[in-house]
Structures are given as structure tokens and as C-alpha cells.
Amino acid sequence: MTEPVKLLQADVRRGLIEDLQTTNPASNATVVASVEIVVQMLGHKHTADDVECDNLLGVLGQRAPYLLARLIRVEEELAQERARHRPDDAKAPDGAPEPGTTPTP
């Protein structure tokens, strides 16, 4: 059984968004091509001097900031959508932290 995906804490997500603000999110084509690279890497036997995987890792490394920017923005949109559709009685009372946030002392 797989563990359900948990959203990043809101304050952490905001910090990452700020760090990645000048980075354009990856396009659909970049996401698909990156997943294909991961599938290729998982689909062959690795040797001690695996030049193929080294090359694929280099390509993924170049795409990482754009993929992360997209992931963080999508997660922020998901958190906003969840908050928008949460029943009023399930919303945090005034002064209480939202679920997924770290309370500050």
C-alpha cells in the first residue's frame, strides 16, 4: 500500500515559490519528456561506468528548476482549491493555524 501524498506545509511552499519566482514552470512537453527519461533509466541494467544514465541525469538536472517550479505552483493551486471547497465548519477557527502549517510559538 502506498502512502498518500501530503502537501508541503503552507509556509514552506510559500518560501519555495519565492525562491523559484524567476523560473518559468516546465511545459507539458518538458514534463512528459522528463518522465520518459526516468522510465528509460529504470528500464535498463546499470553498469559501473553508465554513460547513458549520466547523460540522462544531466538532462534531468538541467530541467530540475523548471520541473520544481511547476510542481510547487501546482501544489499551491491544489492547496487553494482544497481550502476553497472545505466546508465552513472544517475551516480553522480565527487565530488557529491552517492544517499543514507549522504553528509558531
N, C-alpha and C. Protein backbone atom coordinates (compact mmCIF):
# COMPACT_ATOMS: atom_id res chain seq x y z
N MET A 1 0.84 -1.16 0.00
CA MET A 1 0.00 0.00 0.00
C MET A 1 0.90 1.24 0.00
N THR A 2 0.58 2.21 -0.85
CA THR A 2 1.37 3.43 -0.92
C THR A 2 0.81 4.47 0.04
N GLU A 3 1.71 5.29 0.54
CA GLU A 3 1.30 6.37 1.44
C GLU A 3 0.70 7.50 0.63
N PRO A 4 -0.39 8.11 1.11
CA PRO A 4 -0.99 9.22 0.36
C PRO A 4 -0.02 10.40 0.29
N VAL A 5 -0.09 11.12 -0.81
CA VAL A 5 0.77 12.28 -0.99
C VAL A 5 0.28 13.39 -0.06
N LYS A 6 1.21 13.98 0.66
CA LYS A 6 0.87 15.07 1.56
C LYS A 6 1.41 16.37 0.98
N LEU A 7 0.62 17.42 1.08
CA LEU A 7 1.08 18.73 0.62
C LEU A 7 2.16 19.25 1.54
N LEU A 8 3.05 20.05 0.97
CA LEU A 8 4.04 20.74 1.79
C LEU A 8 3.32 21.70 2.72
N GLN A 9 3.94 22.00 3.83
CA GLN A 9 3.36 23.00 4.73
C GLN A 9 3.29 24.32 4.00
N ALA A 10 2.24 25.08 4.27
CA ALA A 10 1.99 26.33 3.54
C ALA A 10 3.16 27.29 3.60
N ASP A 11 3.79 27.44 4.76
CA ASP A 11 4.91 28.38 4.87
C ASP A 11 6.12 27.90 4.08
N VAL A 12 6.36 26.60 4.05
CA VAL A 12 7.46 26.04 3.26
C VAL A 12 7.18 26.24 1.77
N ARG A 13 5.94 25.97 1.37
CA ARG A 13 5.55 26.12 -0.03
C ARG A 13 5.72 27.57 -0.48
N ARG A 14 5.30 28.52 0.36
CA ARG A 14 5.45 29.95 0.02
C ARG A 14 6.92 30.31 -0.16
N GLY A 15 7.78 29.80 0.71
CA GLY A 15 9.21 30.08 0.60
C GLY A 15 9.80 29.54 -0.69
N LEU A 16 9.39 28.34 -1.06
CA LEU A 16 9.88 27.75 -2.32
C LEU A 16 9.37 28.52 -3.52
N ILE A 17 8.13 28.97 -3.47
CA ILE A 17 7.58 29.77 -4.56
C ILE A 17 8.39 31.04 -4.72
N GLU A 18 8.71 31.68 -3.60
CA GLU A 18 9.52 32.91 -3.67
C GLU A 18 10.88 32.62 -4.29
N ASP A 19 11.51 31.51 -3.89
CA ASP A 19 12.82 31.16 -4.43
C ASP A 19 12.78 30.87 -5.93
N LEU A 20 11.66 30.34 -6.41
CA LEU A 20 11.54 29.94 -7.81
C LEU A 20 10.77 30.94 -8.67
N GLN A 21 10.47 32.13 -8.14
CA GLN A 21 9.62 33.07 -8.86
C GLN A 21 10.17 33.48 -10.22
N THR A 22 11.46 33.53 -10.39
CA THR A 22 12.01 33.94 -11.69
C THR A 22 12.13 32.78 -12.65
N THR A 23 11.76 31.59 -12.22
CA THR A 23 11.85 30.40 -13.06
C THR A 23 10.49 30.10 -13.68
N ASN A 24 10.45 29.97 -14.98
CA ASN A 24 9.20 29.60 -15.65
C ASN A 24 8.91 28.13 -15.39
N PRO A 25 7.65 27.80 -15.12
CA PRO A 25 7.32 26.39 -14.91
C PRO A 25 7.53 25.58 -16.19
N ALA A 26 7.84 24.30 -16.02
CA ALA A 26 8.04 23.40 -17.16
C ALA A 26 6.75 23.27 -17.95
N SER A 27 6.90 23.15 -19.25
CA SER A 27 5.75 22.93 -20.12
C SER A 27 5.29 21.48 -20.01
N ASN A 28 4.12 21.20 -20.54
CA ASN A 28 3.63 19.82 -20.58
C ASN A 28 4.63 18.91 -21.28
N ALA A 29 5.19 19.38 -22.39
CA ALA A 29 6.13 18.58 -23.16
C ALA A 29 7.38 18.27 -22.34
N THR A 30 7.85 19.23 -21.56
CA THR A 30 9.04 19.01 -20.73
C THR A 30 8.75 17.99 -19.63
N VAL A 31 7.57 18.06 -19.04
CA VAL A 31 7.20 17.09 -18.01
C VAL A 31 7.15 15.69 -18.62
N VAL A 32 6.50 15.54 -19.76
CA VAL A 32 6.38 14.23 -20.41
C VAL A 32 7.76 13.70 -20.78
N ALA A 33 8.60 14.53 -21.37
CA ALA A 33 9.95 14.10 -21.77
C ALA A 33 10.77 13.70 -20.55
N SER A 34 10.60 14.40 -19.45
CA SER A 34 11.36 14.08 -18.23
C SER A 34 10.92 12.75 -17.65
N VAL A 35 9.62 12.49 -17.67
CA VAL A 35 9.12 11.19 -17.20
C VAL A 35 9.66 10.08 -18.09
N GLU A 36 9.72 10.32 -19.38
CA GLU A 36 10.28 9.32 -20.30
C GLU A 36 11.74 9.03 -19.98
N ILE A 37 12.48 10.05 -19.59
CA ILE A 37 13.88 9.84 -19.21
C ILE A 37 13.97 8.94 -17.98
N VAL A 38 13.12 9.20 -16.98
CA VAL A 38 13.13 8.38 -15.77
C VAL A 38 12.78 6.94 -16.12
N VAL A 39 11.80 6.74 -16.98
CA VAL A 39 11.42 5.38 -17.40
C VAL A 39 12.59 4.70 -18.11
N GLN A 40 13.29 5.43 -18.98
CA GLN A 40 14.47 4.87 -19.66
C GLN A 40 15.53 4.45 -18.65
N MET A 41 15.76 5.30 -17.65
CA MET A 41 16.78 5.00 -16.64
C MET A 41 16.41 3.76 -15.83
N LEU A 42 15.14 3.60 -15.54
CA LEU A 42 14.70 2.44 -14.77
C LEU A 42 14.65 1.17 -15.61
N GLY A 43 14.63 1.33 -16.92
CA GLY A 43 14.39 0.20 -17.81
C GLY A 43 15.62 -0.51 -18.33
N HIS A 44 16.81 -0.15 -17.86
CA HIS A 44 17.98 -0.87 -18.33
C HIS A 44 18.90 -1.22 -17.18
N LYS A 45 19.79 -2.19 -17.44
CA LYS A 45 20.74 -2.59 -16.41
C LYS A 45 21.85 -1.55 -16.34
N HIS A 46 22.22 -1.23 -15.14
CA HIS A 46 23.25 -0.22 -14.93
C HIS A 46 24.63 -0.87 -14.80
N THR A 47 25.60 -0.27 -15.47
CA THR A 47 26.98 -0.74 -15.38
C THR A 47 27.75 0.19 -14.45
N ALA A 48 29.00 -0.19 -14.13
CA ALA A 48 29.82 0.65 -13.26
C ALA A 48 30.06 2.01 -13.89
N ASP A 49 30.28 2.04 -15.20
CA ASP A 49 30.52 3.30 -15.91
C ASP A 49 29.34 3.52 -16.86
N ASP A 50 28.20 3.93 -16.29
CA ASP A 50 26.95 4.02 -17.03
C ASP A 50 26.81 5.41 -17.67
N VAL A 51 27.40 5.55 -18.85
CA VAL A 51 27.39 6.82 -19.56
C VAL A 51 25.97 7.22 -19.95
N GLU A 52 25.15 6.24 -20.30
CA GLU A 52 23.77 6.54 -20.69
C GLU A 52 23.01 7.23 -19.55
N CYS A 53 23.10 6.65 -18.35
CA CYS A 53 22.41 7.26 -17.21
C CYS A 53 23.03 8.60 -16.83
N ASP A 54 24.34 8.72 -16.94
CA ASP A 54 24.98 10.01 -16.66
C ASP A 54 24.44 11.10 -17.58
N ASN A 55 24.29 10.77 -18.85
CA ASN A 55 23.74 11.74 -19.80
C ASN A 55 22.29 12.08 -19.47
N LEU A 56 21.49 11.06 -19.15
CA LEU A 56 20.10 11.29 -18.82
C LEU A 56 19.96 12.13 -17.54
N LEU A 57 20.83 11.85 -16.55
CA LEU A 57 20.81 12.63 -15.31
C LEU A 57 21.18 14.09 -15.57
N GLY A 58 22.10 14.30 -16.50
CA GLY A 58 22.47 15.66 -16.87
C GLY A 58 21.29 16.42 -17.46
N VAL A 59 20.54 15.77 -18.33
CA VAL A 59 19.37 16.41 -18.92
C VAL A 59 18.33 16.70 -17.85
N LEU A 60 18.09 15.74 -16.96
CA LEU A 60 17.13 15.98 -15.88
C LEU A 60 17.60 17.11 -14.97
N GLY A 61 18.87 17.17 -14.70
CA GLY A 61 19.41 18.23 -13.85
C GLY A 61 19.17 19.61 -14.46
N GLN A 62 19.30 19.70 -15.78
CA GLN A 62 19.05 20.98 -16.45
C GLN A 62 17.58 21.37 -16.36
N ARG A 63 16.71 20.39 -16.32
CA ARG A 63 15.26 20.65 -16.28
C ARG A 63 14.72 20.81 -14.87
N ALA A 64 15.50 20.44 -13.87
CA ALA A 64 15.02 20.40 -12.50
C ALA A 64 14.38 21.71 -12.02
N PRO A 65 14.99 22.88 -12.22
CA PRO A 65 14.35 24.09 -11.71
C PRO A 65 12.96 24.33 -12.31
N TYR A 66 12.80 24.01 -13.57
CA TYR A 66 11.53 24.24 -14.26
C TYR A 66 10.48 23.23 -13.79
N LEU A 67 10.92 21.99 -13.58
CA LEU A 67 10.01 20.96 -13.07
C LEU A 67 9.58 21.29 -11.64
N LEU A 68 10.53 21.74 -10.82
CA LEU A 68 10.20 22.10 -9.45
C LEU A 68 9.27 23.30 -9.39
N ALA A 69 9.52 24.28 -10.25
CA ALA A 69 8.64 25.46 -10.28
C ALA A 69 7.21 25.04 -10.62
N ARG A 70 7.08 24.14 -11.57
CA ARG A 70 5.73 23.68 -11.93
C ARG A 70 5.09 22.90 -10.79
N LEU A 71 5.85 22.02 -10.18
CA LEU A 71 5.34 21.21 -9.08
C LEU A 71 4.88 22.08 -7.92
N ILE A 72 5.67 23.05 -7.54
CA ILE A 72 5.32 23.92 -6.42
C ILE A 72 4.09 24.76 -6.75
N ARG A 73 4.00 25.27 -7.97
CA ARG A 73 2.83 26.07 -8.34
C ARG A 73 1.56 25.23 -8.39
N VAL A 74 1.68 24.01 -8.89
CA VAL A 74 0.51 23.12 -8.93
C VAL A 74 0.09 22.77 -7.51
N GLU A 75 1.06 22.54 -6.63
CA GLU A 75 0.71 22.23 -5.25
C GLU A 75 0.02 23.41 -4.58
N GLU A 76 0.48 24.62 -4.85
CA GLU A 76 -0.16 25.82 -4.28
C GLU A 76 -1.60 25.93 -4.78
N GLU A 77 -1.81 25.69 -6.07
CA GLU A 77 -3.17 25.74 -6.62
C GLU A 77 -4.05 24.68 -5.98
N LEU A 78 -3.49 23.49 -5.76
CA LEU A 78 -4.25 22.41 -5.12
C LEU A 78 -4.63 22.79 -3.69
N ALA A 79 -3.70 23.37 -2.95
CA ALA A 79 -3.99 23.78 -1.58
C ALA A 79 -5.08 24.85 -1.56
N GLN A 80 -5.01 25.80 -2.48
CA GLN A 80 -6.04 26.84 -2.56
C GLN A 80 -7.40 26.24 -2.91
N GLU A 81 -7.39 25.30 -3.83
CA GLU A 81 -8.65 24.65 -4.24
C GLU A 81 -9.24 23.85 -3.08
N ARG A 82 -8.40 23.14 -2.35
CA ARG A 82 -8.89 22.38 -1.19
C ARG A 82 -9.49 23.32 -0.15
N ALA A 83 -8.80 24.44 0.11
CA ALA A 83 -9.30 25.40 1.10
C ALA A 83 -10.62 26.01 0.65
N ARG A 84 -10.74 26.25 -0.64
CA ARG A 84 -11.96 26.85 -1.18
C ARG A 84 -13.15 25.91 -1.04
N HIS A 85 -12.92 24.61 -1.14
CA HIS A 85 -14.02 23.65 -1.12
C HIS A 85 -14.19 22.97 0.23
N ARG A 86 -13.41 23.37 1.21
CA ARG A 86 -13.55 22.81 2.54
C ARG A 86 -14.82 23.38 3.17
N PRO A 87 -15.64 22.55 3.78
CA PRO A 87 -16.85 23.08 4.42
C PRO A 87 -16.47 24.11 5.48
N ASP A 88 -17.34 25.11 5.65
CA ASP A 88 -17.06 26.19 6.60
C ASP A 88 -16.76 25.67 8.00
N ASP A 89 -17.46 24.62 8.43
CA ASP A 89 -17.23 24.11 9.78
C ASP A 89 -15.91 23.37 9.90
N ALA A 90 -15.26 23.01 8.77
CA ALA A 90 -13.97 22.33 8.81
C ALA A 90 -12.81 23.30 8.69
N LYS A 91 -13.10 24.58 8.42
CA LYS A 91 -12.05 25.57 8.32
C LYS A 91 -11.53 25.90 9.70
N ALA A 92 -10.26 26.31 9.74
CA ALA A 92 -9.64 26.63 11.02
C ALA A 92 -10.32 27.84 11.65
N PRO A 93 -10.59 27.79 12.96
CA PRO A 93 -11.18 28.94 13.62
C PRO A 93 -10.20 30.11 13.61
N ASP A 94 -10.71 31.33 13.80
CA ASP A 94 -9.85 32.51 13.81
C ASP A 94 -8.70 32.31 14.79
N GLY A 95 -7.49 32.62 14.32
CA GLY A 95 -6.31 32.51 15.17
C GLY A 95 -5.68 31.14 15.16
N ALA A 96 -6.37 30.13 14.67
CA ALA A 96 -5.81 28.78 14.63
C ALA A 96 -5.07 28.59 13.31
N PRO A 97 -3.97 27.83 13.33
CA PRO A 97 -3.24 27.61 12.08
C PRO A 97 -4.02 26.73 11.13
N GLU A 98 -3.84 26.96 9.84
CA GLU A 98 -4.46 26.09 8.83
C GLU A 98 -3.80 24.72 8.90
N PRO A 99 -4.53 23.65 8.54
CA PRO A 99 -3.92 22.32 8.51
C PRO A 99 -2.72 22.32 7.57
N GLY A 100 -1.66 21.64 8.00
CA GLY A 100 -0.46 21.54 7.18
C GLY A 100 0.54 22.64 7.46
N THR A 101 0.19 23.61 8.31
CA THR A 101 1.12 24.66 8.66
C THR A 101 1.79 24.34 9.99
N THR A 102 2.92 24.97 10.22
CA THR A 102 3.63 24.78 11.46
C THR A 102 3.28 25.93 12.39
N PRO A 103 2.69 25.66 13.55
CA PRO A 103 2.35 26.75 14.46
C PRO A 103 3.62 27.45 14.94
N THR A 104 3.58 28.75 15.07
CA THR A 104 4.73 29.50 15.56
C THR A 104 4.47 29.84 17.03
N PRO A 105 5.51 29.71 17.85
CA PRO A 105 5.32 29.97 19.30
C PRO A 105 5.11 31.44 19.59
